Amino acid sequence: MLVPIVGLLAGVLLGLVLQVNVGIEFARYTAVAILAAFDSVLGAIRAELDGVYDERIFISGFVVNALVAVLLTFVGDRLGLDLYLVALLAFGLRIFQNVALIRRHFL
């Protein structure tokens, strides 16, 4: 359970310290990758609260979700479609569901 939280905190701290600027041409890719990562972290927290957390599932989901989201965005760019919106919508819905379940757990 510590891996997702430590990774999230390390990523936020590195982002604040390094102040990396992402070019406008990569903004979509960065947005979907960050959303996929955040979805994975919240899913890991929810899994831990449910007592079914598995580090291998978290790490593989983290990587695969980010890759699929970036690949979907890339294919959409090549086709001239805004397919990144599909990833944003899917991850956004899952984030809200995970937050709701985490909130219910504590209430």
PDB file of N, CA and C in Angstrom:
ATOM      1  N   MET A   1       0.819  -1.198   0.000  1.00  0.00           N
ATOM      2  CA  MET A   1       0.000   0.000   0.000  1.00  0.00           C
ATOM      3  C   MET A   1       0.857   1.254   0.000  1.00  0.00           C
ATOM      4  N   LEU A   2       2.037   1.168   0.545  1.00  0.00           N
ATOM      5  CA  LEU A   2       2.893   2.349   0.620  1.00  0.00           C
ATOM      6  C   LEU A   2       3.433   2.770  -0.734  1.00  0.00           C
ATOM      7  N   VAL A   3       3.583   1.826  -1.645  1.00  0.00           N
ATOM      8  CA  VAL A   3       4.162   2.134  -2.958  1.00  0.00           C
ATOM      9  C   VAL A   3       3.351   3.209  -3.702  1.00  0.00           C
ATOM     10  N   PRO A   4       2.016   3.103  -3.812  1.00  0.00           N
ATOM     11  CA  PRO A   4       1.285   4.138  -4.544  1.00  0.00           C
ATOM     12  C   PRO A   4       1.359   5.516  -3.897  1.00  0.00           C
ATOM     13  N   ILE A   5       1.267   5.548  -2.578  1.00  0.00           N
ATOM     14  CA  ILE A   5       1.278   6.847  -1.887  1.00  0.00           C
ATOM     15  C   ILE A   5       2.663   7.480  -1.959  1.00  0.00           C
ATOM     16  N   VAL A   6       3.704   6.690  -1.730  1.00  0.00           N
ATOM     17  CA  VAL A   6       5.074   7.211  -1.814  1.00  0.00           C
ATOM     18  C   VAL A   6       5.371   7.669  -3.244  1.00  0.00           C
ATOM     19  N   GLY A   7       4.951   6.880  -4.219  1.00  0.00           N
ATOM     20  CA  GLY A   7       5.164   7.264  -5.621  1.00  0.00           C
ATOM     21  C   GLY A   7       4.452   8.549  -5.983  1.00  0.00           C
ATOM     22  N   LEU A   8       3.210   8.699  -5.515  1.00  0.00           N
ATOM     23  CA  LEU A   8       2.455   9.923  -5.786  1.00  0.00           C
ATOM     24  C   LEU A   8       3.130  11.134  -5.155  1.00  0.00           C
ATOM     25  N   LEU A   9       3.530  10.994  -3.902  1.00  0.00           N
ATOM     26  CA  LEU A   9       4.204  12.108  -3.226  1.00  0.00           C
ATOM     27  C   LEU A   9       5.542  12.439  -3.876  1.00  0.00           C
ATOM     28  N   ALA A  10       6.299  11.413  -4.244  1.00  0.00           N
ATOM     29  CA  ALA A  10       7.590  11.648  -4.909  1.00  0.00           C
ATOM     30  C   ALA A  10       7.386  12.345  -6.249  1.00  0.00           C
ATOM     31  N   GLY A  11       6.374  11.924  -6.993  1.00  0.00           N
ATOM     32  CA  GLY A  11       6.096  12.553  -8.277  1.00  0.00           C
ATOM     33  C   GLY A  11       5.688  14.005  -8.136  1.00  0.00           C
ATOM     34  N   VAL A  12       4.848  14.297  -7.163  1.00  0.00           N
ATOM     35  CA  VAL A  12       4.430  15.689  -6.936  1.00  0.00           C
ATOM     36  C   VAL A  12       5.622  16.542  -6.518  1.00  0.00           C
ATOM     37  N   LEU A  13       6.439  16.031  -5.605  1.00  0.00           N
ATOM     38  CA  LEU A  13       7.613  16.792  -5.166  1.00  0.00           C
ATOM     39  C   LEU A  13       8.602  17.017  -6.303  1.00  0.00           C
ATOM     40  N   LEU A  14       8.855  15.970  -7.094  1.00  0.00           N
ATOM     41  CA  LEU A  14       9.756  16.142  -8.244  1.00  0.00           C
ATOM     42  C   LEU A  14       9.197  17.157  -9.241  1.00  0.00           C
ATOM     43  N   GLY A  15       7.904  17.105  -9.464  1.00  0.00           N
ATOM     44  CA  GLY A  15       7.277  18.059 -10.379  1.00  0.00           C
ATOM     45  C   GLY A  15       7.407  19.497  -9.899  1.00  0.00           C
ATOM     46  N   LEU A  16       7.292  19.693  -8.597  1.00  0.00           N
ATOM     47  CA  LEU A  16       7.424  21.040  -8.047  1.00  0.00           C
ATOM     48  C   LEU A  16       8.868  21.530  -8.066  1.00  0.00           C
ATOM     49  N   VAL A  17       9.808  20.640  -7.784  1.00  0.00           N
ATOM     50  CA  VAL A  17      11.217  21.020  -7.715  1.00  0.00           C
ATOM     51  C   VAL A  17      11.809  21.230  -9.107  1.00  0.00           C
ATOM     52  N   LEU A  18      11.539  20.306 -10.020  1.00  0.00           N
ATOM     53  CA  LEU A  18      12.163  20.363 -11.341  1.00  0.00           C
ATOM     54  C   LEU A  18      11.506  21.365 -12.286  1.00  0.00           C
ATOM     55  N   GLN A  19      10.254  21.672 -12.082  1.00  0.00           N
ATOM     56  CA  GLN A  19       9.510  22.620 -12.921  1.00  0.00           C
ATOM     57  C   GLN A  19       9.698  22.321 -14.404  1.00  0.00           C
ATOM     58  N   VAL A  20       9.308  21.140 -14.791  1.00  0.00           N
ATOM     59  CA  VAL A  20       9.431  20.696 -16.173  1.00  0.00           C
ATOM     60  C   VAL A  20       8.360  21.370 -17.021  1.00  0.00           C
ATOM     61  N   ASN A  21       8.767  21.927 -18.147  1.00  0.00           N
ATOM     62  CA  ASN A  21       7.820  22.523 -19.088  1.00  0.00           C
ATOM     63  C   ASN A  21       7.557  21.543 -20.220  1.00  0.00           C
ATOM     64  N   VAL A  22       6.294  21.272 -20.441  1.00  0.00           N
ATOM     65  CA  VAL A  22       5.889  20.355 -21.502  1.00  0.00           C
ATOM     66  C   VAL A  22       5.386  21.188 -22.669  1.00  0.00           C
ATOM     67  N   GLY A  23       5.886  20.890 -23.859  1.00  0.00           N
ATOM     68  CA  GLY A  23       5.454  21.618 -25.042  1.00  0.00           C
ATOM     69  C   GLY A  23       3.985  21.384 -25.350  1.00  0.00           C
ATOM     70  N   ILE A  24       3.392  22.309 -26.034  1.00  0.00           N
ATOM     71  CA  ILE A  24       1.967  22.244 -26.347  1.00  0.00           C
ATOM     72  C   ILE A  24       1.628  21.002 -27.171  1.00  0.00           C
ATOM     73  N   GLU A  25       2.574  20.521 -27.978  1.00  0.00           N
ATOM     74  CA  GLU A  25       2.312  19.342 -28.806  1.00  0.00           C
ATOM     75  C   GLU A  25       2.225  18.063 -27.970  1.00  0.00           C
ATOM     76  N   PHE A  26       2.749  18.090 -26.742  1.00  0.00           N
ATOM     77  CA  PHE A  26       2.699  16.921 -25.862  1.00  0.00           C
ATOM     78  C   PHE A  26       1.720  17.092 -24.710  1.00  0.00           C
ATOM     79  N   ALA A  27       0.972  18.175 -24.687  1.00  0.00           N
ATOM     80  CA  ALA A  27       0.062  18.448 -23.571  1.00  0.00           C
ATOM     81  C   ALA A  27      -1.005  17.368 -23.434  1.00  0.00           C
ATOM     82  N   ARG A  28      -1.551  16.904 -24.543  1.00  0.00           N
ATOM     83  CA  ARG A  28      -2.582  15.851 -24.487  1.00  0.00           C
ATOM     84  C   ARG A  28      -2.007  14.565 -23.917  1.00  0.00           C
ATOM     85  N   TYR A  29      -0.818  14.202 -24.377  1.00  0.00           N
ATOM     86  CA  TYR A  29      -0.186  12.970 -23.915  1.00  0.00           C
ATOM     87  C   TYR A  29       0.093  13.039 -22.412  1.00  0.00           C
ATOM     88  N   THR A  30       0.578  14.175 -21.971  1.00  0.00           N
ATOM     89  CA  THR A  30       0.874  14.355 -20.560  1.00  0.00           C
ATOM     90  C   THR A  30      -0.399  14.298 -19.725  1.00  0.00           C
ATOM     91  N   ALA A  31      -1.458  14.930 -20.200  1.00  0.00           N
ATOM     92  CA  ALA A  31      -2.722  14.948 -19.461  1.00  0.00           C
ATOM     93  C   ALA A  31      -3.287  13.549 -19.278  1.00  0.00           C
ATOM     94  N   VAL A  32      -3.322  12.760 -20.342  1.00  0.00           N
ATOM     95  CA  VAL A  32      -3.892  11.413 -20.199  1.00  0.00           C
ATOM     96  C   VAL A  32      -2.979  10.514 -19.367  1.00  0.00           C
ATOM     97  N   ALA A  33      -1.673  10.675 -19.470  1.00  0.00           N
ATOM     98  CA  ALA A  33      -0.759   9.858 -18.670  1.00  0.00           C
ATOM     99  C   ALA A  33      -0.899  10.182 -17.186  1.00  0.00           C
ATOM    100  N   ILE A  34      -1.014  11.462 -16.843  1.00  0.00           N
ATOM    101  CA  ILE A  34      -1.184  11.861 -15.447  1.00  0.00           C
ATOM    102  C   ILE A  34      -2.517  11.363 -14.910  1.00  0.00           C
ATOM    103  N   LEU A  35      -3.559  11.482 -15.704  1.00  0.00           N
ATOM    104  CA  LEU A  35      -4.874  11.006 -15.265  1.00  0.00           C
ATOM    105  C   LEU A  35      -4.873   9.490 -15.084  1.00  0.00           C
ATOM    106  N   ALA A  36      -4.227   8.767 -15.970  1.00  0.00           N
ATOM    107  CA  ALA A  36      -4.135   7.308 -15.839  1.00  0.00           C
ATOM    108  C   ALA A  36      -3.374   6.936 -14.571  1.00  0.00           C
ATOM    109  N   ALA A  37      -2.292   7.646 -14.294  1.00  0.00           N
ATOM    110  CA  ALA A  37      -1.512   7.374 -13.088  1.00  0.00           C
ATOM    111  C   ALA A  37      -2.322   7.672 -11.829  1.00  0.00           C
ATOM    112  N   PHE A  38      -3.023   8.777 -11.820  1.00  0.00           N
ATOM    113  CA  PHE A  38      -3.839   9.148 -10.668  1.00  0.00           C
ATOM    114  C   PHE A  38      -4.958   8.136 -10.450  1.00  0.00           C
ATOM    115  N   ASP A  39      -5.554   7.658 -11.540  1.00  0.00           N
ATOM    116  CA  ASP A  39      -6.581   6.627 -11.452  1.00  0.00           C
ATOM    117  C   ASP A  39      -6.012   5.359 -10.831  1.00  0.00           C
ATOM    118  N   SER A  40      -4.815   4.973 -11.222  1.00  0.00           N
ATOM    119  CA  SER A  40      -4.185   3.772 -10.674  1.00  0.00           C
ATOM    120  C   SER A  40      -3.897   3.923  -9.189  1.00  0.00           C
ATOM    121  N   VAL A  41      -3.433   5.083  -8.773  1.00  0.00           N
ATOM    122  CA  VAL A  41      -3.141   5.316  -7.359  1.00  0.00           C
ATOM    123  C   VAL A  41      -4.418   5.248  -6.528  1.00  0.00           C
ATOM    124  N   LEU A  42      -5.472   5.893  -6.995  1.00  0.00           N
ATOM    125  CA  LEU A  42      -6.734   5.835  -6.257  1.00  0.00           C
ATOM    126  C   LEU A  42      -7.308   4.425  -6.244  1.00  0.00           C
ATOM    127  N   GLY A  43      -7.146   3.694  -7.340  1.00  0.00           N
ATOM    128  CA  GLY A  43      -7.591   2.300  -7.370  1.00  0.00           C
ATOM    129  C   GLY A  43      -6.816   1.449  -6.375  1.00  0.00           C
ATOM    130  N   ALA A  44      -5.524   1.715  -6.225  1.00  0.00           N
ATOM    131  CA  ALA A  44      -4.714   0.975  -5.256  1.00  0.00           C
ATOM    132  C   ALA A  44      -5.143   1.291  -3.825  1.00  0.00           C
ATOM    133  N   ILE A  45      -5.445   2.540  -3.561  1.00  0.00           N
ATOM    134  CA  ILE A  45      -5.911   2.917  -2.227  1.00  0.00           C
ATOM    135  C   ILE A  45      -7.235   2.229  -1.925  1.00  0.00           C
ATOM    136  N   ARG A  46      -8.135   2.238  -2.888  1.00  0.00           N
ATOM    137  CA  ARG A  46      -9.429   1.562  -2.714  1.00  0.00           C
ATOM    138  C   ARG A  46      -9.238   0.062  -2.497  1.00  0.00           C
ATOM    139  N   ALA A  47      -8.342  -0.552  -3.277  1.00  0.00           N
ATOM    140  CA  ALA A  47      -8.082  -1.983  -3.133  1.00  0.00           C
ATOM    141  C   ALA A  47      -7.521  -2.292  -1.750  1.00  0.00           C
ATOM    142  N   GLU A  48      -6.652  -1.439  -1.255  1.00  0.00           N
ATOM    143  CA  GLU A  48      -6.099  -1.638   0.086  1.00  0.00           C
ATOM    144  C   GLU A  48      -7.191  -1.553   1.145  1.00  0.00           C
ATOM    145  N   LEU A  49      -8.079  -0.598   1.000  1.00  0.00           N
ATOM    146  CA  LEU A  49      -9.180  -0.464   1.952  1.00  0.00           C
ATOM    147  C   LEU A  49     -10.126  -1.663   1.891  1.00  0.00           C
ATOM    148  N   ASP A  50     -10.262  -2.262   0.706  1.00  0.00           N
ATOM    149  CA  ASP A  50     -11.099  -3.451   0.544  1.00  0.00           C
ATOM    150  C   ASP A  50     -10.372  -4.722   0.929  1.00  0.00           C
ATOM    151  N   GLY A  51      -9.060  -4.625   1.190  1.00  0.00           N
ATOM    152  CA  GLY A  51      -8.270  -5.772   1.594  1.00  0.00           C
ATOM    153  C   GLY A  51      -7.830  -6.674   0.458  1.00  0.00           C
ATOM    154  N   VAL A  52      -7.814  -6.160  -0.779  1.00  0.00           N
ATOM    155  CA  VAL A  52      -7.438  -6.991  -1.932  1.00  0.00           C
ATOM    156  C   VAL A  52      -6.267  -6.388  -2.717  1.00  0.00           C
ATOM    157  N   TYR A  53      -5.483  -5.523  -2.084  1.00  0.00           N
ATOM    158  CA  TYR A  53      -4.376  -4.863  -2.781  1.00  0.00           C
ATOM    159  C   TYR A  53      -3.289  -5.867  -3.148  1.00  0.00           C
ATOM    160  N   ASP A  54      -2.802  -5.758  -4.378  1.00  0.00           N
ATOM    161  CA  ASP A  54      -1.681  -6.572  -4.850  1.00  0.00           C
ATOM    162  C   ASP A  54      -0.735  -5.638  -5.603  1.00  0.00           C
ATOM    163  N   GLU A  55       0.511  -5.595  -5.154  1.00  0.00           N
ATOM    164  CA  GLU A  55       1.477  -4.667  -5.733  1.00  0.00           C
ATOM    165  C   GLU A  55       1.720  -4.931  -7.219  1.00  0.00           C
ATOM    166  N   ARG A  56       1.741  -6.200  -7.623  1.00  0.00           N
ATOM    167  CA  ARG A  56       1.950  -6.532  -9.040  1.00  0.00           C
ATOM    168  C   ARG A  56       0.817  -5.996  -9.898  1.00  0.00           C
ATOM    169  N   ILE A  57      -0.400  -6.118  -9.409  1.00  0.00           N
ATOM    170  CA  ILE A  57      -1.549  -5.599 -10.160  1.00  0.00           C
ATOM    171  C   ILE A  57      -1.476  -4.079 -10.252  1.00  0.00           C
ATOM    172  N   PHE A  58      -1.079  -3.435  -9.143  1.00  0.00           N
ATOM    173  CA  PHE A  58      -0.960  -1.976  -9.161  1.00  0.00           C
ATOM    174  C   PHE A  58       0.073  -1.513 -10.183  1.00  0.00           C
ATOM    175  N   ILE A  59       1.264  -2.092 -10.124  1.00  0.00           N
ATOM    176  CA  ILE A  59       2.343  -1.635 -11.010  1.00  0.00           C
ATOM    177  C   ILE A  59       2.010  -1.934 -12.471  1.00  0.00           C
ATOM    178  N   SER A  60       1.486  -3.132 -12.745  1.00  0.00           N
ATOM    179  CA  SER A  60       1.132  -3.450 -14.132  1.00  0.00           C
ATOM    180  C   SER A  60      -0.015  -2.569 -14.619  1.00  0.00           C
ATOM    181  N   GLY A  61      -1.001  -2.328 -13.772  1.00  0.00           N
ATOM    182  CA  GLY A  61      -2.105  -1.445 -14.153  1.00  0.00           C
ATOM    183  C   GLY A  61      -1.646  -0.020 -14.377  1.00  0.00           C
ATOM    184  N   PHE A  62      -0.736   0.433 -13.540  1.00  0.00           N
ATOM    185  CA  PHE A  62      -0.186   1.781 -13.661  1.00  0.00           C
ATOM    186  C   PHE A  62       0.464   1.964 -15.032  1.00  0.00           C
ATOM    187  N   VAL A  63       1.324   1.021 -15.397  1.00  0.00           N
ATOM    188  CA  VAL A  63       2.053   1.115 -16.662  1.00  0.00           C
ATOM    189  C   VAL A  63       1.127   0.896 -17.859  1.00  0.00           C
ATOM    190  N   VAL A  64       0.308  -0.146 -17.806  1.00  0.00           N
ATOM    191  CA  VAL A  64      -0.557  -0.473 -18.947  1.00  0.00           C
ATOM    192  C   VAL A  64      -1.600   0.621 -19.173  1.00  0.00           C
ATOM    193  N   ASN A  65      -2.214   1.136 -18.104  1.00  0.00           N
ATOM    194  CA  ASN A  65      -3.208   2.209 -18.270  1.00  0.00           C
ATOM    195  C   ASN A  65      -2.590   3.441 -18.926  1.00  0.00           C
ATOM    196  N   ALA A  66      -1.405   3.825 -18.463  1.00  0.00           N
ATOM    197  CA  ALA A  66      -0.742   5.001 -19.039  1.00  0.00           C
ATOM    198  C   ALA A  66      -0.387   4.754 -20.507  1.00  0.00           C
ATOM    199  N   LEU A  67       0.130   3.563 -20.815  1.00  0.00           N
ATOM    200  CA  LEU A  67       0.496   3.262 -22.204  1.00  0.00           C
ATOM    201  C   LEU A  67      -0.717   3.225 -23.130  1.00  0.00           C
ATOM    202  N   VAL A  68      -1.790   2.603 -22.672  1.00  0.00           N
ATOM    203  CA  VAL A  68      -3.006   2.541 -23.505  1.00  0.00           C
ATOM    204  C   VAL A  68      -3.568   3.941 -23.736  1.00  0.00           C
ATOM    205  N   ALA A  69      -3.570   4.766 -22.706  1.00  0.00           N
ATOM    206  CA  ALA A  69      -4.086   6.128 -22.847  1.00  0.00           C
ATOM    207  C   ALA A  69      -3.242   6.934 -23.831  1.00  0.00           C
ATOM    208  N   VAL A  70      -1.915   6.815 -23.716  1.00  0.00           N
ATOM    209  CA  VAL A  70      -1.034   7.545 -24.627  1.00  0.00           C
ATOM    210  C   VAL A  70      -1.168   6.996 -26.044  1.00  0.00           C
ATOM    211  N   LEU A  71      -1.270   5.682 -26.192  1.00  0.00           N
ATOM    212  CA  LEU A  71      -1.452   5.074 -27.509  1.00  0.00           C
ATOM    213  C   LEU A  71      -2.765   5.511 -28.147  1.00  0.00           C
ATOM    214  N   LEU A  72      -3.823   5.566 -27.360  1.00  0.00           N
ATOM    215  CA  LEU A  72      -5.117   6.035 -27.867  1.00  0.00           C
ATOM    216  C   LEU A  72      -5.020   7.483 -28.333  1.00  0.00           C
ATOM    217  N   THR A  73      -4.319   8.293 -27.575  1.00  0.00           N
ATOM    218  CA  THR A  73      -4.118   9.690 -27.956  1.00  0.00           C
ATOM    219  C   THR A  73      -3.302   9.785 -29.237  1.00  0.00           C
ATOM    220  N   PHE A  74      -2.259   8.976 -29.353  1.00  0.00           N
ATOM    221  CA  PHE A  74      -1.411   8.982 -30.548  1.00  0.00           C
ATOM    222  C   PHE A  74      -2.199   8.572 -31.789  1.00  0.00           C
ATOM    223  N   VAL A  75      -2.973   7.495 -31.671  1.00  0.00           N
ATOM    224  CA  VAL A  75      -3.791   7.041 -32.811  1.00  0.00           C
ATOM    225  C   VAL A  75      -4.799   8.120 -33.191  1.00  0.00           C
ATOM    226  N   GLY A  76      -5.411   8.735 -32.200  1.00  0.00           N
ATOM    227  CA  GLY A  76      -6.353   9.815 -32.471  1.00  0.00           C
ATOM    228  C   GLY A  76      -5.708  10.983 -33.189  1.00  0.00           C
ATOM    229  N   ASP A  77      -4.495  11.335 -32.789  1.00  0.00           N
ATOM    230  CA  ASP A  77      -3.771  12.416 -33.470  1.00  0.00           C
ATOM    231  C   ASP A  77      -3.495  12.060 -34.924  1.00  0.00           C
ATOM    232  N   ARG A  78      -3.108  10.813 -35.162  1.00  0.00           N
ATOM    233  CA  ARG A  78      -2.814  10.379 -36.543  1.00  0.00           C
ATOM    234  C   ARG A  78      -4.068  10.342 -37.407  1.00  0.00           C
ATOM    235  N   LEU A  79      -5.212  10.035 -36.796  1.00  0.00           N
ATOM    236  CA  LEU A  79      -6.478   9.973 -37.544  1.00  0.00           C
ATOM    237  C   LEU A  79      -7.185  11.328 -37.614  1.00  0.00           C
ATOM    238  N   GLY A  80      -6.684  12.288 -36.881  1.00  0.00           N
ATOM    239  CA  GLY A  80      -7.321  13.603 -36.859  1.00  0.00           C
ATOM    240  C   GLY A  80      -8.556  13.635 -35.966  1.00  0.00           C
ATOM    241  N   LEU A  81      -8.612  12.727 -34.996  1.00  0.00           N
ATOM    242  CA  LEU A  81      -9.745  12.651 -34.066  1.00  0.00           C
ATOM    243  C   LEU A  81      -9.267  12.973 -32.656  1.00  0.00           C
ATOM    244  N   ASP A  82     -10.163  13.439 -31.847  1.00  0.00           N
ATOM    245  CA  ASP A  82      -9.826  13.753 -30.455  1.00  0.00           C
ATOM    246  C   ASP A  82     -10.098  12.548 -29.566  1.00  0.00           C
ATOM    247  N   LEU A  83      -9.410  11.436 -29.825  1.00  0.00           N
ATOM    248  CA  LEU A  83      -9.618  10.219 -29.047  1.00  0.00           C
ATOM    249  C   LEU A  83      -9.101  10.343 -27.616  1.00  0.00           C
ATOM    250  N   TYR A  84      -8.270  11.329 -27.340  1.00  0.00           N
ATOM    251  CA  TYR A  84      -7.792  11.522 -25.975  1.00  0.00           C
ATOM    252  C   TYR A  84      -8.952  11.840 -25.042  1.00  0.00           C
ATOM    253  N   LEU A  85     -10.033  12.389 -25.604  1.00  0.00           N
ATOM    254  CA  LEU A  85     -11.209  12.685 -24.780  1.00  0.00           C
ATOM    255  C   LEU A  85     -11.848  11.419 -24.235  1.00  0.00           C
ATOM    256  N   VAL A  86     -11.752  10.324 -24.991  1.00  0.00           N
ATOM    257  CA  VAL A  86     -12.277   9.040 -24.523  1.00  0.00           C
ATOM    258  C   VAL A  86     -11.518   8.603 -23.276  1.00  0.00           C
ATOM    259  N   ALA A  87     -10.197   8.700 -23.327  1.00  0.00           N
ATOM    260  CA  ALA A  87      -9.382   8.325 -22.170  1.00  0.00           C
ATOM    261  C   ALA A  87      -9.662   9.247 -20.990  1.00  0.00           C
ATOM    262  N   LEU A  88      -9.761  10.539 -21.241  1.00  0.00           N
ATOM    263  CA  LEU A  88     -10.042  11.479 -20.159  1.00  0.00           C
ATOM    264  C   LEU A  88     -11.388  11.192 -19.510  1.00  0.00           C
ATOM    265  N   LEU A  89     -12.380  10.883 -20.319  1.00  0.00           N
ATOM    266  CA  LEU A  89     -13.708  10.580 -19.785  1.00  0.00           C
ATOM    267  C   LEU A  89     -13.685   9.281 -18.976  1.00  0.00           C
ATOM    268  N   ALA A  90     -13.066   8.258 -19.518  1.00  0.00           N
ATOM    269  CA  ALA A  90     -13.017   6.963 -18.823  1.00  0.00           C
ATOM    270  C   ALA A  90     -12.262   7.075 -17.497  1.00  0.00           C
ATOM    271  N   PHE A  91     -11.089   7.688 -17.520  1.00  0.00           N
ATOM    272  CA  PHE A  91     -10.323   7.817 -16.285  1.00  0.00           C
ATOM    273  C   PHE A  91     -11.004   8.773 -15.303  1.00  0.00           C
ATOM    274  N   GLY A  92     -11.617   9.825 -15.817  1.00  0.00           N
ATOM    275  CA  GLY A  92     -12.338  10.744 -14.954  1.00  0.00           C
ATOM    276  C   GLY A  92     -13.472  10.059 -14.211  1.00  0.00           C
ATOM    277  N   LEU A  93     -14.235   9.236 -14.921  1.00  0.00           N
ATOM    278  CA  LEU A  93     -15.329   8.501 -14.274  1.00  0.00           C
ATOM    279  C   LEU A  93     -14.802   7.532 -13.224  1.00  0.00           C
ATOM    280  N   ARG A  94     -13.726   6.837 -13.547  1.00  0.00           N
ATOM    281  CA  ARG A  94     -13.156   5.880 -12.585  1.00  0.00           C
ATOM    282  C   ARG A  94     -12.589   6.589 -11.361  1.00  0.00           C
ATOM    283  N   ILE A  95     -12.010   7.762 -11.566  1.00  0.00           N
ATOM    284  CA  ILE A  95     -11.479   8.525 -10.432  1.00  0.00           C
ATOM    285  C   ILE A  95     -12.614   8.918  -9.497  1.00  0.00           C
ATOM    286  N   PHE A  96     -13.710   9.418 -10.047  1.00  0.00           N
ATOM    287  CA  PHE A  96     -14.846   9.800  -9.213  1.00  0.00           C
ATOM    288  C   PHE A  96     -15.436   8.586  -8.496  1.00  0.00           C
ATOM    289  N   GLN A  97     -15.510   7.439  -9.158  1.00  0.00           N
ATOM    290  CA  GLN A  97     -16.016   6.229  -8.514  1.00  0.00           C
ATOM    291  C   GLN A  97     -15.100   5.795  -7.369  1.00  0.00           C
ATOM    292  N   ASN A  98     -13.795   5.810  -7.603  1.00  0.00           N
ATOM    293  CA  ASN A  98     -12.861   5.425  -6.553  1.00  0.00           C
ATOM    294  C   ASN A  98     -12.909   6.381  -5.368  1.00  0.00           C
ATOM    295  N   VAL A  99     -12.988   7.675  -5.642  1.00  0.00           N
ATOM    296  CA  VAL A  99     -13.072   8.653  -4.557  1.00  0.00           C
ATOM    297  C   VAL A  99     -14.355   8.440  -3.759  1.00  0.00           C
ATOM    298  N   ALA A 100     -15.456   8.161  -4.440  1.00  0.00           N
ATOM    299  CA  ALA A 100     -16.720   7.924  -3.739  1.00  0.00           C
ATOM    300  C   ALA A 100     -16.629   6.689  -2.847  1.00  0.00           C
ATOM    301  N   LEU A 101     -16.014   5.622  -3.352  1.00  0.00           N
ATOM    302  CA  LEU A 101     -15.882   4.407  -2.548  1.00  0.00           C
ATOM    303  C   LEU A 101     -14.927   4.606  -1.374  1.00  0.00           C
ATOM    304  N   ILE A 102     -13.862   5.361  -1.576  1.00  0.00           N
ATOM    305  CA  ILE A 102     -12.937   5.658  -0.476  1.00  0.00           C
ATOM    306  C   ILE A 102     -13.647   6.502   0.579  1.00  0.00           C
ATOM    307  N   ARG A 103     -14.394   7.472   0.129  1.00  0.00           N
ATOM    308  CA  ARG A 103     -15.150   8.336   1.067  1.00  0.00           C
ATOM    309  C   ARG A 103     -16.146   7.506   1.857  1.00  0.00           C
ATOM    310  N   ARG A 104     -16.878   6.620   1.201  1.00  0.00           N
ATOM    311  CA  ARG A 104     -17.851   5.765   1.889  1.00  0.00           C
ATOM    312  C   ARG A 104     -17.180   4.870   2.901  1.00  0.00           C
ATOM    313  N   HIS A 105     -15.983   4.423   2.596  1.00  0.00           N
ATOM    314  CA  HIS A 105     -15.257   3.567   3.532  1.00  0.00           C
ATOM    315  C   HIS A 105     -14.995   4.306   4.838  1.00  0.00           C
ATOM    316  N   PHE A 106     -14.626   5.570   4.743  1.00  0.00           N
ATOM    317  CA  PHE A 106     -14.305   6.324   5.949  1.00  0.00           C
ATOM    318  C   PHE A 106     -15.544   6.854   6.661  1.00  0.00           C
ATOM    319  N   LEU A 107     -16.647   6.954   5.956  1.00  0.00           N
ATOM    320  CA  LEU A 107     -17.875   7.418   6.610  1.00  0.00           C
ATOM    321  C   LEU A 107     -18.607   6.243   7.213  1.00  0.00           C
TER     322      LEU A 107
END
